Amino acid sequence: MLRMEEYLAVHSIFLRQVGHLSVWKKDSLKLYFQNPEKYSFSPEEQQKIKRALAPILKAEDRVIPVLSGTGMITNGCQNLPIIFAGIDPQDSEWIYSHPQVHQQIPELVHFDQGVGYWEPEGSLMPINLSPILFSLLKKKNLFSGGTLSAGEVVNCSHPDSLIKNSADPSVQIFSAAFDGGIGITDALLVGLKSTGFTFSDETAVMLSRDVAKNLLRTDNVSRMVIMLANPENSKSFRVAVAGAIEKAGVDNFEVLHYTDESVSPIYVGAMNFVYVMMGFFVVLVCGVVILSIANSFQIAFMERRHEFATLRSVGFRSGVLRTLLMFEYIQMAAISFAVGGCLAFILKGLNNALNLRFQIPGFANDLQFKLEPTFIFTYSVALAMMIIVVVSVHFFARQQMKLKVIELMGTEA
């Protein structure tokens, strides 16, 4: 559960540029593509948001503007739908070099081929796209510098022309611009990078915000993403962010946390399934623990019933004996937790060192199976088990201590 949560959280926050918090125009998640001009932030609003956030953010925090859109990509013979996200190259480099990304998703840090995009130079519009989309476009080469050959009209029915087209790293992208027209740009394929999910890889294009601005003919941005160095209190911090932006005079906005289903449907949907599955296992494990305690208690009680009868006969009350039994089982449980905890952390280190891989349906890459128990998680499990031990022993001891002394002294309970 912890492994999945950390993977999906890092994927949403960094790779999908949702951030720990994100600022959107109100209702833009539903209506942005119908009226992008209305449901995006103008340059003036962007400056207001940055000025409003500056006093409450730390130096390590980062605010990243994102301009997203939809359109088509073509190799001259085939047109495919795309969803693109435009962020500045320095922000992209910061995201993929972040320690959390390297720790949780090392598979997606490196490029399948090529390099990241860079600031456009003249007519060069470098972009990255997913390996699946690259394959669908039947491209074979990436641009790695040098001069480009003069563009030729592609004869899609001629084999030689198709071979030349597959070797050409250039494509064309067109999209509905903010002003109502059609935005068209030539682009160079410079790198292949997966989004982490197969269904999003089929349409994923990553490019510079300047390329997106040129394509959509706008200086607006779709959202302002806030990356926090210490995200422990990010949910409560959302209120402070919303208050600061409102005071700055920005209208019709909303601040969303990355756990909100509207911005992270993959994270929420997958984790809901994991929580249900883990809930089933928790009930199963707790049931096994209770049955084990009942069995061991019954055996121990039968072996020591004469001792309890003697103590009862010299004046010990049933409540005192129940308390003594509970302390005895608490001590045994504490010793068991210490031994089990040591063995668990040895198992964790061995498992992680083996680098076992597994494939999750829908994920573009296989994933390392890691055991990552945190202190709080381990402490919570131990506390829950201790409560089960105390309650179970109290219940079983109360049932047995109802027996009379003469019954305890007998051969049968």
Protein backbone atom coordinates (compact mmCIF):
# COMPACT_ATOMS: atom_id res chain seq x y z
CA MET A 1 0.00 0.00 0.00
CA LEU A 2 2.80 2.42 0.93
CA ARG A 3 4.71 1.61 -2.27
CA MET A 4 1.67 2.22 -4.48
CA GLU A 5 0.73 5.41 -2.63
CA GLU A 6 4.20 6.90 -2.95
CA TYR A 7 4.53 5.92 -6.61
CA LEU A 8 1.14 7.34 -7.58
CA ALA A 9 1.60 10.48 -5.48
CA VAL A 10 4.98 11.29 -7.05
CA HIS A 11 3.56 10.51 -10.49
CA SER A 12 0.65 12.92 -10.02
CA ILE A 13 2.62 15.68 -8.28
CA PHE A 14 5.65 15.77 -10.54
CA LEU A 15 5.19 13.89 -13.81
CA ARG A 16 1.62 15.05 -14.42
CA GLN A 17 2.48 18.51 -13.04
CA VAL A 18 -0.42 18.56 -10.59
CA GLY A 19 1.85 19.70 -7.75
CA HIS A 20 1.07 19.39 -4.08
CA LEU A 21 -1.36 22.24 -4.72
CA SER A 22 -2.56 23.70 -8.00
CA VAL A 23 -4.41 26.91 -8.79
CA TRP A 24 -7.07 26.73 -11.51
CA LYS A 25 -9.73 28.96 -12.89
CA LYS A 26 -13.04 27.92 -11.36
CA ASP A 27 -14.75 25.24 -13.50
CA SER A 28 -11.75 25.11 -15.86
CA LEU A 29 -11.39 21.36 -15.35
CA LYS A 30 -14.75 20.98 -17.11
CA LEU A 31 -14.83 23.95 -19.49
CA TYR A 32 -11.20 24.83 -20.31
CA PHE A 33 -11.13 23.22 -23.75
CA GLN A 34 -14.47 24.81 -24.69
CA ASN A 35 -13.31 28.33 -23.88
CA PRO A 36 -9.58 28.33 -23.03
CA GLU A 37 -9.29 32.13 -23.06
CA LYS A 38 -11.91 32.48 -20.32
CA TYR A 39 -10.73 29.58 -18.18
CA SER A 40 -7.01 30.37 -18.07
CA PHE A 41 -4.83 32.87 -16.21
CA SER A 42 -3.70 35.99 -18.02
CA PRO A 43 -0.13 37.31 -17.55
CA GLU A 44 -1.44 39.91 -15.08
CA GLU A 45 -3.19 37.24 -13.02
CA GLN A 46 -0.07 35.09 -13.09
CA GLN A 47 1.96 37.94 -11.62
CA LYS A 48 -0.67 38.58 -8.95
CA ILE A 49 -0.61 34.91 -7.94
CA LYS A 50 3.19 34.83 -7.75
CA ARG A 51 3.30 38.02 -5.67
CA ALA A 52 0.58 36.68 -3.37
CA LEU A 53 2.39 33.37 -2.83
CA ALA A 54 5.87 34.83 -2.31
CA PRO A 55 5.39 35.79 1.39
CA ILE A 56 3.91 32.42 2.42
CA LEU A 57 6.17 30.08 0.44
CA LYS A 58 9.65 28.98 1.47
CA ALA A 59 12.73 29.50 -0.66
CA GLU A 60 12.77 25.76 -1.53
CA ASP A 61 9.17 25.82 -2.78
CA ARG A 62 8.48 26.31 -6.45
CA VAL A 63 5.63 27.77 -8.53
CA ILE A 64 5.44 26.33 -12.06
CA PRO A 65 3.11 27.71 -14.78
CA VAL A 66 1.67 25.06 -17.12
CA LEU A 67 -0.02 25.60 -20.48
CA SER A 68 -1.85 22.53 -21.74
CA GLY A 69 -3.90 21.82 -24.82
CA THR A 70 -5.14 19.24 -27.27
CA GLY A 71 -4.60 18.89 -30.98
CA MET A 72 -3.32 16.63 -33.71
CA ILE A 73 0.17 15.50 -34.68
CA THR A 74 0.96 14.41 -38.22
CA ASN A 75 3.85 12.84 -40.08
CA GLY A 76 2.33 13.85 -43.41
CA CYS A 77 0.48 10.59 -43.88
CA GLN A 78 -1.09 9.90 -40.53
CA ASN A 79 -2.86 12.20 -38.06
CA LEU A 80 -3.06 11.28 -34.38
CA PRO A 81 -4.77 13.07 -31.46
CA ILE A 82 -2.49 14.44 -28.75
CA ILE A 83 -2.67 16.04 -25.32
CA PHE A 84 0.30 18.29 -24.65
CA ALA A 85 1.63 20.06 -21.58
CA GLY A 86 3.94 23.02 -21.99
CA ILE A 87 6.30 23.85 -19.13
CA ASP A 88 9.56 25.75 -19.14
CA PRO A 89 12.68 23.59 -19.74
CA GLN A 90 14.28 24.64 -16.44
CA ASP A 91 11.14 23.55 -14.58
CA SER A 92 11.15 20.24 -16.46
CA GLU A 93 14.79 19.66 -15.56
CA TRP A 94 14.04 20.47 -11.89
CA ILE A 95 11.13 18.00 -11.86
CA TYR A 96 13.09 15.09 -13.31
CA SER A 97 16.08 15.74 -11.06
CA HIS A 98 13.98 15.88 -7.87
CA PRO A 99 15.11 13.35 -5.21
CA GLN A 100 11.58 12.00 -4.71
CA VAL A 101 11.25 11.24 -8.41
CA HIS A 102 14.63 9.48 -8.44
CA GLN A 103 13.68 7.48 -5.36
CA GLN A 104 10.14 6.45 -6.26
CA ILE A 105 10.12 6.37 -10.08
CA PRO A 106 13.71 5.84 -11.25
CA GLU A 107 12.31 3.99 -14.28
CA LEU A 108 10.77 7.21 -15.62
CA VAL A 109 13.60 9.63 -14.88
CA HIS A 110 15.74 8.62 -17.85
CA PHE A 111 14.76 9.02 -21.47
CA ASP A 112 14.00 5.97 -23.57
CA GLN A 113 15.89 7.76 -26.33
CA GLY A 114 17.21 11.25 -26.92
CA VAL A 115 17.17 14.21 -24.56
CA GLY A 116 14.76 16.72 -23.06
CA TYR A 117 13.40 19.62 -25.03
CA TRP A 118 14.99 23.05 -24.81
CA GLU A 119 14.12 26.66 -25.48
CA PRO A 120 13.12 27.11 -29.14
CA GLU A 121 15.84 28.61 -31.33
CA GLY A 122 14.54 30.28 -34.45
CA SER A 123 12.39 27.82 -36.36
CA LEU A 124 13.50 24.83 -34.26
CA MET A 125 10.64 23.66 -32.06
CA PRO A 126 11.96 20.68 -30.04
CA ILE A 127 9.44 18.35 -28.38
CA ASN A 128 9.37 15.07 -26.48
CA LEU A 129 6.76 12.41 -26.97
CA SER A 130 6.01 8.96 -25.66
CA PRO A 131 7.55 5.83 -27.23
CA ILE A 132 4.08 4.53 -28.12
CA LEU A 133 3.21 7.71 -30.03
CA PHE A 134 6.63 7.65 -31.71
CA SER A 135 5.90 4.12 -32.91
CA LEU A 136 2.39 5.01 -34.07
CA LEU A 137 3.86 7.82 -36.18
CA LYS A 138 6.22 5.23 -37.75
CA LYS A 139 9.24 7.38 -37.00
CA LYS A 140 12.73 5.88 -36.74
CA ASN A 141 15.07 8.79 -35.93
CA LEU A 142 15.32 11.64 -33.44
CA PHE A 143 16.91 15.01 -34.13
CA SER A 144 20.37 15.17 -32.56
CA GLY A 145 21.74 18.37 -34.04
CA GLY A 146 23.10 19.43 -37.39
CA THR A 147 21.16 20.69 -40.37
CA LEU A 148 17.77 19.54 -41.50
CA SER A 149 17.09 18.35 -45.00
CA ALA A 150 14.70 20.40 -47.07
CA GLY A 151 11.10 19.39 -46.58
CA GLU A 152 9.54 17.25 -49.27
CA VAL A 153 5.98 16.47 -50.17
CA VAL A 154 5.28 12.98 -48.90
CA ASN A 155 3.78 10.49 -51.31
CA CYS A 156 2.05 8.22 -48.84
CA SER A 157 1.51 5.51 -51.44
CA HIS A 158 5.18 5.27 -52.49
CA PRO A 159 7.47 2.98 -50.40
CA ASP A 160 10.63 5.08 -50.93
CA SER A 161 8.83 8.22 -49.83
CA LEU A 162 7.58 6.46 -46.68
CA ILE A 163 11.11 5.32 -45.83
CA LYS A 164 12.40 8.89 -46.12
CA ASN A 165 9.49 10.14 -44.05
CA SER A 166 10.18 7.64 -41.23
CA ALA A 167 13.81 8.81 -41.09
CA ASP A 168 12.78 12.47 -40.89
CA PRO A 169 12.60 13.64 -37.21
CA SER A 170 10.19 16.47 -38.00
CA VAL A 171 6.43 16.47 -37.52
CA GLN A 172 3.64 19.02 -37.63
CA ILE A 173 1.28 19.89 -34.80
CA PHE A 174 -1.96 21.80 -35.11
CA SER A 175 -4.47 22.85 -32.49
CA ALA A 176 -7.36 25.22 -31.89
CA ALA A 177 -5.77 28.52 -30.84
CA PHE A 178 -7.09 30.75 -28.08
CA ASP A 179 -8.21 33.36 -30.59
CA GLY A 180 -10.49 30.87 -32.35
CA GLY A 181 -8.16 30.14 -35.26
CA ILE A 182 -5.96 27.16 -35.98
CA GLY A 183 -2.43 27.09 -34.60
CA ILE A 184 0.11 25.15 -36.65
CA THR A 185 3.80 24.58 -35.99
CA ASP A 186 6.61 22.39 -37.25
CA ALA A 187 8.32 20.45 -34.48
CA LEU A 188 11.41 18.29 -34.05
CA LEU A 189 11.38 15.00 -32.18
CA VAL A 190 14.32 15.21 -29.78
CA GLY A 191 13.47 12.69 -27.06
CA LEU A 192 11.22 9.84 -26.00
CA LYS A 193 9.86 9.74 -22.46
CA SER A 194 7.01 7.68 -21.05
CA THR A 195 4.27 9.16 -18.89
CA GLY A 196 4.15 5.96 -16.83
CA PHE A 197 0.73 4.82 -18.06
CA THR A 198 0.00 3.10 -21.36
CA PHE A 199 -3.30 4.87 -22.06
CA SER A 200 -1.76 8.34 -21.59
CA ASP A 201 1.32 7.35 -23.61
CA GLU A 202 -0.90 7.02 -26.68
CA THR A 203 -1.46 10.81 -26.79
CA ALA A 204 1.35 12.34 -24.68
CA VAL A 205 3.48 15.19 -26.02
CA MET A 206 5.78 17.25 -23.79
CA LEU A 207 7.10 20.57 -25.01
CA SER A 208 8.36 23.96 -23.95
CA ARG A 209 5.84 26.53 -22.78
CA ASP A 210 7.15 28.83 -25.51
CA VAL A 211 6.27 26.23 -28.14
CA ALA A 212 2.81 25.82 -26.60
CA LYS A 213 2.36 29.62 -26.54
CA ASN A 214 3.35 29.81 -30.21
CA LEU A 215 0.95 26.99 -31.07
CA LEU A 216 -2.01 28.34 -29.08
CA ARG A 217 -1.14 31.99 -29.73
CA THR A 218 -1.49 33.07 -26.12
CA ASP A 219 0.50 34.20 -23.08
CA ASN A 220 -2.04 32.65 -20.70
CA VAL A 221 -1.46 29.49 -18.68
CA SER A 222 -3.86 26.70 -17.79
CA ARG A 223 -2.80 26.40 -14.16
CA MET A 224 -0.22 27.45 -11.59
CA VAL A 225 1.39 24.48 -9.88
CA ILE A 226 2.86 24.73 -6.36
CA MET A 227 5.61 22.27 -5.40
CA LEU A 228 6.30 22.22 -1.65
CA ALA A 229 9.59 21.18 -0.07
CA ASN A 230 7.75 20.04 3.09
CA PRO A 231 4.30 18.80 2.03
CA GLU A 232 3.25 17.28 5.37
CA ASN A 233 0.67 20.02 6.00
CA SER A 234 -0.21 20.68 2.37
CA LYS A 235 -3.94 20.10 2.90
CA SER A 236 -4.23 22.72 5.62
CA PHE A 237 -1.82 25.00 3.71
CA ARG A 238 -4.35 25.07 0.87
CA VAL A 239 -6.53 27.44 2.93
CA ALA A 240 -3.64 29.90 3.34
CA VAL A 241 -2.88 29.78 -0.38
CA ALA A 242 -6.51 30.43 -1.30
CA GLY A 243 -6.72 33.33 1.16
CA ALA A 244 -3.54 34.97 -0.15
CA ILE A 245 -4.65 34.74 -3.79
CA GLU A 246 -8.09 36.12 -2.97
CA LYS A 247 -6.53 39.11 -1.22
CA ALA A 248 -4.39 39.71 -4.33
CA GLY A 249 -7.55 40.40 -6.32
CA VAL A 250 -7.70 37.26 -8.49
CA ASP A 251 -11.29 36.26 -9.23
CA ASN A 252 -12.93 32.91 -10.01
CA PHE A 253 -10.15 30.55 -8.98
CA GLU A 254 -9.88 27.36 -6.96
CA VAL A 255 -6.97 25.69 -5.18
CA LEU A 256 -6.91 21.90 -5.36
CA HIS A 257 -4.85 19.34 -3.47
CA TYR A 258 -3.25 16.51 -5.41
CA THR A 259 -5.50 13.99 -3.64
CA ASP A 260 -8.58 15.62 -5.19
CA GLU A 261 -10.20 13.25 -7.67
CA SER A 262 -10.82 16.02 -10.19
CA VAL A 263 -7.06 16.55 -10.75
CA SER A 264 -5.75 13.06 -9.83
CA PRO A 265 -8.34 10.49 -10.92
CA ILE A 266 -5.66 7.81 -11.38
CA TYR A 267 -4.27 8.34 -7.89
CA VAL A 268 -7.70 8.36 -6.21
CA GLY A 269 -9.10 5.43 -8.18
CA ALA A 270 -6.06 3.19 -7.70
CA MET A 271 -5.70 4.02 -4.01
CA ASN A 272 -9.40 3.37 -3.32
CA PHE A 273 -8.91 -0.11 -4.76
CA VAL A 274 -5.74 -0.59 -2.69
CA TYR A 275 -7.51 0.57 0.49
CA VAL A 276 -10.34 -1.93 -0.07
CA MET A 277 -7.85 -4.72 -0.70
CA MET A 278 -5.78 -3.79 2.36
CA GLY A 279 -8.94 -3.57 4.47
CA PHE A 280 -9.74 -7.16 3.51
CA PHE A 281 -6.26 -8.31 4.51
CA VAL A 282 -6.41 -6.36 7.78
CA VAL A 283 -9.65 -8.12 8.74
CA LEU A 284 -8.12 -11.46 7.72
CA VAL A 285 -4.90 -10.91 9.70
CA CYS A 286 -6.74 -9.61 12.77
CA GLY A 287 -9.00 -12.66 12.68
CA VAL A 288 -5.97 -14.96 12.57
CA VAL A 289 -4.38 -13.07 15.48
CA ILE A 290 -7.52 -13.37 17.59
CA LEU A 291 -7.84 -17.09 16.87
CA SER A 292 -4.16 -17.62 17.68
CA ILE A 293 -4.55 -15.80 21.00
CA ALA A 294 -7.68 -17.80 21.84
CA ASN A 295 -5.90 -21.08 21.09
CA SER A 296 -2.72 -20.25 23.01
CA PHE A 297 -4.69 -18.82 25.94
CA GLN A 298 -6.85 -21.93 26.19
CA ILE A 299 -3.79 -24.20 26.21
CA ALA A 300 -1.96 -22.03 28.77
CA PHE A 301 -5.03 -21.80 31.00
CA MET A 302 -5.56 -25.58 31.00
CA GLU A 303 -1.94 -26.12 31.99
CA ARG A 304 -2.08 -23.55 34.82
CA ARG A 305 -5.64 -23.88 36.04
CA HIS A 306 -4.51 -25.40 39.35
CA GLU A 307 -2.28 -22.38 39.95
CA PHE A 308 -5.24 -20.07 39.38
CA ALA A 309 -7.37 -22.21 41.73
CA THR A 310 -4.70 -21.93 44.46
CA LEU A 311 -4.46 -18.16 44.06
CA ARG A 312 -8.25 -17.86 44.16
CA SER A 313 -8.40 -19.99 47.32
CA VAL A 314 -5.91 -17.76 49.19
CA GLY A 315 -7.89 -14.62 48.42
CA PHE A 316 -6.91 -13.35 44.96
CA ARG A 317 -9.89 -11.89 43.18
CA SER A 318 -10.76 -12.74 39.56
CA GLY A 319 -10.10 -9.14 38.46
CA VAL A 320 -6.55 -9.23 39.86
CA LEU A 321 -5.82 -12.49 38.04
CA ARG A 322 -7.18 -11.08 34.78
CA THR A 323 -4.89 -8.06 35.16
CA LEU A 324 -1.88 -10.30 35.79
CA LEU A 325 -2.70 -12.35 32.69
CA MET A 326 -3.05 -9.23 30.57
CA PHE A 327 0.34 -7.90 31.73
CA GLU A 328 1.88 -11.27 30.96
CA TYR A 329 0.48 -11.28 27.42
CA ILE A 330 1.45 -7.63 26.91
CA GLN A 331 5.06 -8.51 27.77
CA MET A 332 5.01 -11.47 25.38
CA ALA A 333 3.48 -9.30 22.65
CA ALA A 334 6.12 -6.59 23.15
CA ILE A 335 8.91 -9.17 22.85
CA SER A 336 7.23 -10.61 19.74
CA PHE A 337 6.96 -7.13 18.17
CA ALA A 338 10.66 -6.47 18.81
CA VAL A 339 11.76 -9.77 17.29
CA GLY A 340 9.25 -9.53 14.43
CA GLY A 341 10.26 -5.92 13.72
CA CYS A 342 13.94 -6.85 13.44
CA LEU A 343 13.14 -9.76 11.13
CA ALA A 344 10.85 -7.54 9.04
CA PHE A 345 13.53 -4.90 8.46
CA ILE A 346 16.04 -7.62 7.55
CA LEU A 347 13.49 -8.99 5.07
CA LYS A 348 12.91 -5.46 3.73
CA GLY A 349 16.61 -4.94 3.05
CA LEU A 350 16.97 -8.34 1.39
CA ASN A 351 13.88 -7.85 -0.75
CA ASN A 352 14.89 -4.37 -1.92
CA ALA A 353 18.43 -5.53 -2.70
CA LEU A 354 17.08 -8.30 -4.98
CA ASN A 355 15.35 -5.65 -7.17
CA LEU A 356 12.31 -7.82 -7.87
CA ARG A 357 10.15 -6.46 -10.69
CA PHE A 358 6.43 -6.73 -11.35
CA GLN A 359 4.04 -5.41 -13.98
CA ILE A 360 0.83 -3.60 -13.07
CA PRO A 361 -1.88 -3.55 -15.79
CA GLY A 362 -1.98 -0.09 -17.34
CA PHE A 363 1.55 0.90 -16.26
CA ALA A 364 3.95 1.57 -19.10
CA ASN A 365 6.96 0.14 -17.25
CA ASP A 366 7.55 -2.64 -14.82
CA LEU A 367 7.97 -1.56 -11.22
CA GLN A 368 10.36 -2.59 -8.49
CA PHE A 369 8.65 -4.39 -5.64
CA LYS A 370 9.79 -2.45 -2.59
CA LEU A 371 8.98 -2.89 1.07
CA GLU A 372 9.04 0.57 2.65
CA PRO A 373 7.56 0.45 6.16
CA THR A 374 7.71 3.86 7.81
CA PHE A 375 8.09 4.36 11.55
CA ILE A 376 4.56 5.74 11.94
CA PHE A 377 3.06 2.89 9.90
CA THR A 378 4.98 0.25 11.88
CA TYR A 379 4.10 1.88 15.19
CA SER A 380 0.42 2.04 14.19
CA VAL A 381 0.34 -1.65 13.28
CA ALA A 382 2.06 -2.59 16.56
CA LEU A 383 -0.39 -0.44 18.53
CA ALA A 384 -3.37 -2.02 16.76
CA MET A 385 -2.02 -5.51 17.44
CA MET A 386 -1.44 -4.65 21.11
CA ILE A 387 -5.04 -3.44 21.45
CA ILE A 388 -6.25 -6.70 19.90
CA VAL A 389 -4.09 -8.67 22.35
CA VAL A 390 -5.39 -6.76 25.39
CA VAL A 391 -9.05 -6.94 24.37
CA SER A 392 -8.83 -10.63 23.43
CA VAL A 393 -7.03 -11.68 26.62
CA HIS A 394 -9.46 -9.66 28.73
CA PHE A 395 -12.44 -11.35 27.06
CA PHE A 396 -11.08 -14.90 27.30
CA ALA A 397 -9.78 -14.44 30.85
CA ARG A 398 -13.12 -13.06 31.98
CA GLN A 399 -14.88 -16.13 30.60
CA GLN A 400 -12.51 -18.58 32.31
CA MET A 401 -12.32 -16.74 35.62
CA LYS A 402 -16.07 -17.13 36.07
CA LEU A 403 -15.41 -20.76 37.03
CA LYS A 404 -15.63 -21.63 40.69
CA VAL A 405 -12.53 -22.67 42.65
CA ILE A 406 -13.75 -26.27 42.93
CA GLU A 407 -14.18 -26.40 39.14
CA LEU A 408 -10.66 -25.02 38.62
CA MET A 409 -9.27 -27.71 40.94
CA GLY A 410 -11.01 -30.46 38.96
CA THR A 411 -9.64 -32.30 35.96
CA GLU A 412 -12.07 -30.66 33.51
CA ALA A 413 -12.95 -27.03 33.04
